[in-house]
N, C-alpha and C. Protein backbone atom coordinates (compact mmCIF):
# COMPACT_ATOMS: atom_id res chain seq x y z
N UNK A 1 87.34 110.57 62.56
CA UNK A 1 87.12 110.53 64.01
C UNK A 1 86.14 111.65 64.35
N UNK A 2 85.10 111.27 65.09
CA UNK A 2 84.06 112.23 65.44
C UNK A 2 84.48 113.16 66.56
N UNK A 3 83.68 114.17 66.78
CA UNK A 3 83.95 115.17 67.81
C UNK A 3 83.92 114.54 69.20
N UNK A 4 82.95 113.67 69.44
CA UNK A 4 82.85 113.04 70.76
C UNK A 4 84.05 112.14 71.03
N UNK A 5 84.54 111.46 70.01
CA UNK A 5 85.71 110.62 70.18
C UNK A 5 86.94 111.46 70.50
N UNK A 6 87.05 112.64 69.89
CA UNK A 6 88.17 113.54 70.18
C UNK A 6 88.11 114.04 71.61
N UNK A 7 86.91 114.36 72.07
CA UNK A 7 86.75 114.82 73.46
C UNK A 7 87.11 113.68 74.42
N UNK A 8 86.65 112.49 74.12
CA UNK A 8 86.94 111.33 74.96
C UNK A 8 88.45 111.07 75.02
N UNK A 9 89.11 111.13 73.88
CA UNK A 9 90.56 110.92 73.85
C UNK A 9 91.30 112.03 74.61
N UNK A 10 90.80 113.26 74.51
CA UNK A 10 91.40 114.37 75.24
C UNK A 10 91.28 114.17 76.75
N UNK A 11 90.12 113.70 77.19
CA UNK A 11 89.92 113.42 78.62
C UNK A 11 90.83 112.29 79.08
N UNK A 12 90.99 111.26 78.25
CA UNK A 12 91.90 110.17 78.59
C UNK A 12 93.32 110.69 78.77
N UNK A 13 93.75 111.55 77.84
CA UNK A 13 95.11 112.10 77.93
C UNK A 13 95.26 112.98 79.17
N UNK A 14 94.22 113.76 79.49
CA UNK A 14 94.29 114.64 80.66
C UNK A 14 94.39 113.83 81.95
N UNK A 15 93.61 112.75 82.06
CA UNK A 15 93.57 111.96 83.29
C UNK A 15 94.72 110.98 83.41
N UNK A 16 95.51 110.80 82.36
CA UNK A 16 96.62 109.86 82.43
C UNK A 16 97.62 110.30 83.50
N UNK A 17 97.95 109.40 84.44
CA UNK A 17 98.89 109.71 85.51
C UNK A 17 98.25 110.40 86.69
N UNK A 18 96.95 110.54 86.69
CA UNK A 18 96.24 111.17 87.80
C UNK A 18 95.51 110.11 88.61
N UNK A 19 95.10 110.46 89.81
CA UNK A 19 94.52 109.49 90.73
C UNK A 19 93.15 109.01 90.28
N UNK A 20 92.27 109.89 89.91
CA UNK A 20 90.90 109.50 89.56
C UNK A 20 90.08 109.16 90.79
N UNK A 21 89.03 108.37 90.59
CA UNK A 21 88.16 107.98 91.70
C UNK A 21 88.66 106.70 92.34
N UNK A 22 88.65 106.67 93.66
CA UNK A 22 88.96 105.45 94.42
C UNK A 22 87.92 105.32 95.52
N UNK A 23 88.10 104.36 96.43
CA UNK A 23 87.10 104.11 97.46
C UNK A 23 86.91 105.31 98.38
N UNK A 24 88.00 105.98 98.74
CA UNK A 24 87.89 107.14 99.63
C UNK A 24 87.15 108.27 98.94
N UNK A 25 87.46 108.52 97.68
CA UNK A 25 86.74 109.56 96.95
C UNK A 25 85.26 109.21 96.79
N UNK A 26 84.97 107.94 96.58
CA UNK A 26 83.57 107.52 96.49
C UNK A 26 82.82 107.78 97.79
N UNK A 27 83.48 107.49 98.92
CA UNK A 27 82.86 107.75 100.22
C UNK A 27 82.67 109.25 100.45
N UNK A 28 83.69 110.04 100.07
CA UNK A 28 83.57 111.50 100.22
C UNK A 28 82.45 112.04 99.34
N UNK A 29 82.29 111.47 98.15
CA UNK A 29 81.22 111.90 97.26
C UNK A 29 79.84 111.56 97.83
N UNK A 30 79.70 110.37 98.45
CA UNK A 30 78.43 110.02 99.08
C UNK A 30 78.13 110.95 100.26
N UNK A 31 79.16 111.29 101.04
CA UNK A 31 78.98 112.24 102.14
C UNK A 31 78.55 113.60 101.59
N UNK A 32 79.19 114.01 100.50
CA UNK A 32 78.86 115.29 99.86
C UNK A 32 77.39 115.30 99.44
N UNK A 33 76.94 114.23 98.78
CA UNK A 33 75.56 114.18 98.31
C UNK A 33 74.57 114.17 99.48
N UNK A 34 74.91 113.46 100.55
CA UNK A 34 74.05 113.46 101.74
C UNK A 34 73.94 114.83 102.38
N UNK A 35 75.08 115.52 102.50
CA UNK A 35 75.07 116.88 103.06
C UNK A 35 74.34 117.85 102.15
N UNK A 36 74.42 117.62 100.83
CA UNK A 36 73.71 118.48 99.89
C UNK A 36 72.20 118.35 100.09
N UNK A 37 71.73 117.13 100.29
CA UNK A 37 70.29 116.92 100.55
C UNK A 37 69.89 117.61 101.84
N UNK A 38 70.73 117.50 102.87
CA UNK A 38 70.44 118.16 104.15
C UNK A 38 70.42 119.67 103.97
N UNK A 39 71.34 120.20 103.16
CA UNK A 39 71.37 121.64 102.91
C UNK A 39 70.10 122.11 102.20
N UNK A 40 69.63 121.33 101.22
CA UNK A 40 68.40 121.68 100.51
C UNK A 40 67.22 121.68 101.48
N UNK A 41 67.17 120.69 102.35
CA UNK A 41 66.09 120.64 103.34
C UNK A 41 66.17 121.82 104.30
N UNK A 42 67.39 122.18 104.72
CA UNK A 42 67.55 123.33 105.62
C UNK A 42 67.14 124.62 104.94
N UNK A 43 67.43 124.74 103.64
CA UNK A 43 67.05 125.96 102.94
C UNK A 43 65.54 126.03 102.75
N UNK A 44 64.89 124.86 102.58
CA UNK A 44 63.43 124.85 102.48
C UNK A 44 62.78 125.23 103.80
N UNK A 45 63.43 124.85 104.91
CA UNK A 45 62.92 125.19 106.23
C UNK A 45 63.37 126.57 106.69
N UNK A 46 64.13 127.25 105.86
CA UNK A 46 64.63 128.61 106.11
C UNK A 46 65.49 128.70 107.37
N UNK A 47 66.43 127.75 107.50
CA UNK A 47 67.40 127.78 108.60
C UNK A 47 68.68 128.42 108.07
N UNK A 48 68.80 129.73 108.23
CA UNK A 48 69.88 130.49 107.62
C UNK A 48 71.28 130.08 108.05
N UNK A 49 71.52 129.95 109.34
CA UNK A 49 72.86 129.63 109.84
C UNK A 49 73.26 128.22 109.43
N UNK A 50 72.33 127.30 109.46
CA UNK A 50 72.61 125.93 109.06
C UNK A 50 72.96 125.82 107.59
N UNK A 51 72.29 126.60 106.76
CA UNK A 51 72.56 126.58 105.32
C UNK A 51 73.94 127.14 105.05
N UNK A 52 74.32 128.21 105.72
CA UNK A 52 75.65 128.80 105.50
C UNK A 52 76.76 127.86 105.95
N UNK A 53 76.56 127.21 107.09
CA UNK A 53 77.56 126.26 107.58
C UNK A 53 77.70 125.07 106.63
N UNK A 54 76.56 124.53 106.19
CA UNK A 54 76.60 123.40 105.26
C UNK A 54 77.19 123.81 103.91
N UNK A 55 76.91 125.04 103.48
CA UNK A 55 77.47 125.52 102.22
C UNK A 55 78.99 125.57 102.28
N UNK A 56 79.52 126.08 103.37
CA UNK A 56 80.99 126.13 103.52
C UNK A 56 81.58 124.73 103.58
N UNK A 57 80.92 123.83 104.31
CA UNK A 57 81.39 122.46 104.41
C UNK A 57 81.35 121.75 103.06
N UNK A 58 80.31 122.01 102.28
CA UNK A 58 80.20 121.40 100.96
C UNK A 58 81.31 121.89 100.03
N UNK A 59 81.64 123.18 100.09
CA UNK A 59 82.71 123.70 99.25
C UNK A 59 84.06 123.07 99.61
N UNK A 60 84.31 122.94 100.91
CA UNK A 60 85.57 122.32 101.34
C UNK A 60 85.63 120.87 100.88
N UNK A 61 84.54 120.16 101.03
CA UNK A 61 84.49 118.77 100.61
C UNK A 61 84.67 118.63 99.10
N UNK A 62 84.07 119.53 98.32
CA UNK A 62 84.22 119.51 96.87
C UNK A 62 85.67 119.76 96.46
N UNK A 63 86.33 120.69 97.13
CA UNK A 63 87.74 120.97 96.83
C UNK A 63 88.60 119.75 97.14
N UNK A 64 88.35 119.09 98.27
CA UNK A 64 89.12 117.90 98.64
C UNK A 64 88.91 116.79 97.62
N UNK A 65 87.66 116.58 97.21
CA UNK A 65 87.37 115.53 96.22
C UNK A 65 88.09 115.82 94.91
N UNK A 66 87.99 117.05 94.42
CA UNK A 66 88.64 117.41 93.16
C UNK A 66 90.16 117.32 93.28
N UNK A 67 90.71 117.77 94.41
CA UNK A 67 92.16 117.69 94.61
C UNK A 67 92.64 116.25 94.56
N UNK A 68 91.93 115.37 95.27
CA UNK A 68 92.33 113.96 95.28
C UNK A 68 92.16 113.33 93.90
N UNK A 69 91.12 113.70 93.18
CA UNK A 69 90.85 113.11 91.88
C UNK A 69 91.90 113.51 90.84
N UNK A 70 92.30 114.75 90.85
CA UNK A 70 93.22 115.25 89.82
C UNK A 70 94.68 115.25 90.26
N UNK A 71 94.96 114.72 91.44
CA UNK A 71 96.32 114.71 91.97
C UNK A 71 97.20 113.75 91.17
N UNK A 72 98.44 114.18 90.95
CA UNK A 72 99.42 113.31 90.28
C UNK A 72 100.34 112.62 91.28
N UNK A 73 100.19 112.92 92.56
CA UNK A 73 100.99 112.27 93.60
C UNK A 73 100.29 110.95 93.97
N UNK A 74 100.50 109.95 93.12
CA UNK A 74 99.77 108.70 93.27
C UNK A 74 100.13 107.96 94.55
N UNK A 75 101.39 108.02 94.95
CA UNK A 75 101.81 107.29 96.15
C UNK A 75 101.06 107.79 97.39
N UNK A 76 100.94 109.10 97.53
CA UNK A 76 100.24 109.66 98.70
C UNK A 76 98.75 109.34 98.66
N UNK A 77 98.14 109.48 97.48
CA UNK A 77 96.71 109.21 97.37
C UNK A 77 96.41 107.73 97.61
N UNK A 78 97.29 106.85 97.14
CA UNK A 78 97.09 105.42 97.38
C UNK A 78 97.26 105.09 98.86
N UNK A 79 98.20 105.76 99.53
CA UNK A 79 98.38 105.53 100.97
C UNK A 79 97.14 106.00 101.74
N UNK A 80 96.59 107.16 101.37
CA UNK A 80 95.37 107.65 102.01
C UNK A 80 94.22 106.67 101.80
N UNK A 81 94.08 106.20 100.56
CA UNK A 81 93.01 105.26 100.25
C UNK A 81 93.20 103.95 101.01
N UNK A 82 94.44 103.49 101.13
CA UNK A 82 94.70 102.24 101.85
C UNK A 82 94.36 102.36 103.32
N UNK A 83 94.66 103.52 103.93
CA UNK A 83 94.27 103.74 105.33
C UNK A 83 92.75 103.68 105.48
N UNK A 84 92.04 104.29 104.52
CA UNK A 84 90.59 104.29 104.55
C UNK A 84 90.06 102.86 104.44
N UNK A 85 90.58 102.09 103.48
CA UNK A 85 90.10 100.73 103.27
C UNK A 85 90.42 99.86 104.49
N UNK A 86 91.60 100.02 105.07
CA UNK A 86 91.96 99.25 106.27
C UNK A 86 91.01 99.57 107.42
N UNK A 87 90.71 100.86 107.61
CA UNK A 87 89.81 101.27 108.68
C UNK A 87 88.41 100.70 108.44
N UNK A 88 87.95 100.76 107.20
CA UNK A 88 86.62 100.28 106.84
C UNK A 88 86.51 98.78 107.07
N UNK A 89 87.52 98.01 106.62
CA UNK A 89 87.46 96.56 106.77
C UNK A 89 87.65 96.13 108.21
N UNK A 90 88.43 96.86 108.99
CA UNK A 90 88.57 96.47 110.40
C UNK A 90 87.23 96.63 111.11
N UNK A 91 86.50 97.68 110.80
CA UNK A 91 85.18 97.87 111.40
C UNK A 91 84.20 96.79 110.98
N UNK A 92 84.23 96.44 109.69
CA UNK A 92 83.32 95.40 109.19
C UNK A 92 83.65 94.04 109.81
N UNK A 93 84.94 93.72 109.90
CA UNK A 93 85.30 92.41 110.46
C UNK A 93 85.01 92.37 111.96
N UNK A 94 85.17 93.51 112.64
CA UNK A 94 84.84 93.57 114.07
C UNK A 94 83.34 93.33 114.28
N UNK A 95 82.50 93.94 113.44
CA UNK A 95 81.06 93.74 113.55
C UNK A 95 80.68 92.29 113.23
N UNK A 96 81.32 91.71 112.21
CA UNK A 96 81.02 90.32 111.85
C UNK A 96 81.43 89.38 112.97
N UNK A 97 82.58 89.64 113.60
CA UNK A 97 83.02 88.81 114.71
C UNK A 97 82.09 88.93 115.91
N UNK A 98 81.63 90.13 116.19
CA UNK A 98 80.69 90.33 117.31
C UNK A 98 79.37 89.62 117.04
N UNK A 99 78.93 89.65 115.79
CA UNK A 99 77.69 88.97 115.44
C UNK A 99 77.84 87.46 115.61
N UNK A 100 78.98 86.92 115.20
CA UNK A 100 79.23 85.48 115.34
C UNK A 100 79.32 85.10 116.82
N UNK A 101 79.93 85.94 117.65
CA UNK A 101 80.03 85.65 119.08
C UNK A 101 78.66 85.67 119.74
N UNK A 102 77.79 86.59 119.33
CA UNK A 102 76.44 86.63 119.90
C UNK A 102 75.64 85.39 119.50
N UNK A 103 75.89 84.85 118.31
CA UNK A 103 75.15 83.68 117.84
C UNK A 103 75.64 82.39 118.49
N UNK A 104 76.85 82.37 119.02
CA UNK A 104 77.43 81.18 119.62
C UNK A 104 76.89 81.01 121.04
N UNK A 105 76.01 80.04 121.22
CA UNK A 105 75.38 79.81 122.54
C UNK A 105 76.13 78.78 123.37
N UNK A 106 77.12 78.13 122.79
CA UNK A 106 77.86 77.09 123.50
C UNK A 106 79.12 77.62 124.19
N UNK A 107 79.46 78.87 123.96
CA UNK A 107 80.68 79.44 124.54
C UNK A 107 80.39 80.83 125.10
N UNK A 108 81.22 81.23 126.07
CA UNK A 108 81.21 82.60 126.60
C UNK A 108 82.50 83.27 126.16
N UNK A 109 82.45 84.54 125.91
CA UNK A 109 83.62 85.28 125.44
C UNK A 109 83.98 86.34 126.46
N UNK A 110 85.26 86.41 126.79
CA UNK A 110 85.76 87.40 127.74
C UNK A 110 86.90 88.15 127.08
N UNK A 111 86.99 89.45 127.37
CA UNK A 111 88.05 90.28 126.82
C UNK A 111 89.09 90.52 127.91
N UNK A 112 90.34 90.25 127.58
CA UNK A 112 91.45 90.48 128.51
C UNK A 112 91.60 91.99 128.71
N UNK A 113 91.66 92.42 129.95
CA UNK A 113 91.79 93.85 130.24
C UNK A 113 93.17 94.39 129.89
N UNK A 114 94.17 93.51 129.88
CA UNK A 114 95.54 93.96 129.62
C UNK A 114 95.81 94.15 128.13
N UNK A 115 95.43 93.16 127.30
CA UNK A 115 95.82 93.22 125.89
C UNK A 115 94.63 93.23 124.94
N UNK A 116 93.40 93.22 125.46
CA UNK A 116 92.17 93.27 124.66
C UNK A 116 91.95 92.05 123.79
N UNK A 117 92.59 90.92 124.11
CA UNK A 117 92.38 89.67 123.38
C UNK A 117 91.06 89.06 123.83
N UNK A 118 90.32 88.49 122.88
CA UNK A 118 89.04 87.85 123.20
C UNK A 118 89.31 86.37 123.47
N UNK A 119 88.92 85.91 124.67
CA UNK A 119 89.13 84.53 125.08
C UNK A 119 87.79 83.81 125.09
N UNK A 120 87.76 82.57 124.56
CA UNK A 120 86.54 81.80 124.45
C UNK A 120 86.61 80.61 125.41
N UNK A 121 85.56 80.44 126.20
CA UNK A 121 85.48 79.29 127.12
C UNK A 121 84.09 78.67 127.01
N UNK A 122 83.97 77.36 127.30
CA UNK A 122 82.66 76.70 127.22
C UNK A 122 81.70 77.21 128.30
N UNK A 123 80.43 77.19 127.99
CA UNK A 123 79.39 77.61 128.93
C UNK A 123 79.15 76.49 129.94
N UNK A 124 78.81 76.85 131.17
CA UNK A 124 78.39 75.89 132.19
C UNK A 124 79.53 75.29 133.00
N UNK A 125 80.69 75.93 133.06
CA UNK A 125 81.82 75.41 133.85
C UNK A 125 81.87 76.03 135.24
N UNK A 126 80.93 76.94 135.53
CA UNK A 126 80.93 77.59 136.84
C UNK A 126 81.93 78.73 136.90
N UNK A 127 82.42 78.98 138.11
CA UNK A 127 83.38 80.08 138.31
C UNK A 127 84.78 79.55 138.01
N UNK A 128 85.46 80.18 137.04
CA UNK A 128 86.79 79.71 136.62
C UNK A 128 87.76 80.88 136.51
N UNK A 129 89.04 80.54 136.47
CA UNK A 129 90.09 81.53 136.24
C UNK A 129 90.64 81.25 134.84
N UNK A 130 90.52 82.25 133.97
CA UNK A 130 90.97 82.13 132.59
C UNK A 130 92.33 82.79 132.47
N UNK A 131 93.28 82.10 131.85
CA UNK A 131 94.59 82.68 131.59
C UNK A 131 94.63 83.12 130.13
N UNK A 132 94.93 84.39 129.92
CA UNK A 132 94.99 84.93 128.56
C UNK A 132 96.14 84.25 127.81
N UNK A 133 95.87 83.71 126.62
CA UNK A 133 96.93 83.03 125.87
C UNK A 133 97.97 83.98 125.29
N UNK A 134 97.63 85.25 125.21
CA UNK A 134 98.55 86.21 124.59
C UNK A 134 99.50 86.84 125.60
N UNK A 135 98.94 87.30 126.73
CA UNK A 135 99.79 88.01 127.70
C UNK A 135 99.93 87.30 129.04
N UNK A 136 99.10 86.27 129.30
CA UNK A 136 99.20 85.52 130.54
C UNK A 136 98.44 86.12 131.71
N UNK A 137 97.66 87.15 131.49
CA UNK A 137 96.89 87.77 132.56
C UNK A 137 95.76 86.83 133.00
N UNK A 138 95.34 86.96 134.24
CA UNK A 138 94.30 86.11 134.81
C UNK A 138 92.96 86.84 134.76
N UNK A 139 91.91 86.12 134.36
CA UNK A 139 90.57 86.65 134.33
C UNK A 139 89.71 85.73 135.19
N UNK A 140 89.12 86.27 136.25
CA UNK A 140 88.25 85.49 137.12
C UNK A 140 86.82 85.74 136.64
N UNK A 141 86.13 84.68 136.17
CA UNK A 141 84.81 84.88 135.57
C UNK A 141 83.92 83.69 135.82
N UNK A 142 82.61 83.91 135.64
CA UNK A 142 81.62 82.84 135.77
C UNK A 142 81.09 82.53 134.37
N UNK A 143 81.09 81.26 134.02
CA UNK A 143 80.58 80.87 132.72
C UNK A 143 79.18 80.38 132.90
């Protein structure tokens, strides 16, 4: 067995039972790299206070990334990652729904003020009263 294989096996044994990289850590790493580029640009422009602030922020971010990566508390790290993924997908699905509503020229969409439900009605019906199917609130609108 070669030296590199021994190092690889040692790393496998060290990381066994640890969190490693997940979606949240990947996002934190991309934020870290973006801030690092900004810090380099600030140092080239000789912005002293900005460089010191970014340096402190980068160190904190690096500690958080390493802590999450090497953590053995898998349940907590998975819960954190799940919150991140849920938040990310809710934003993506909200944007996709808004894009689909903008493309739909045959219907008008109204948001209920009481429960925030989106109600769809056909275009060209004039002034109508819409009843929210979720909470029963009345929406007076022109289509």
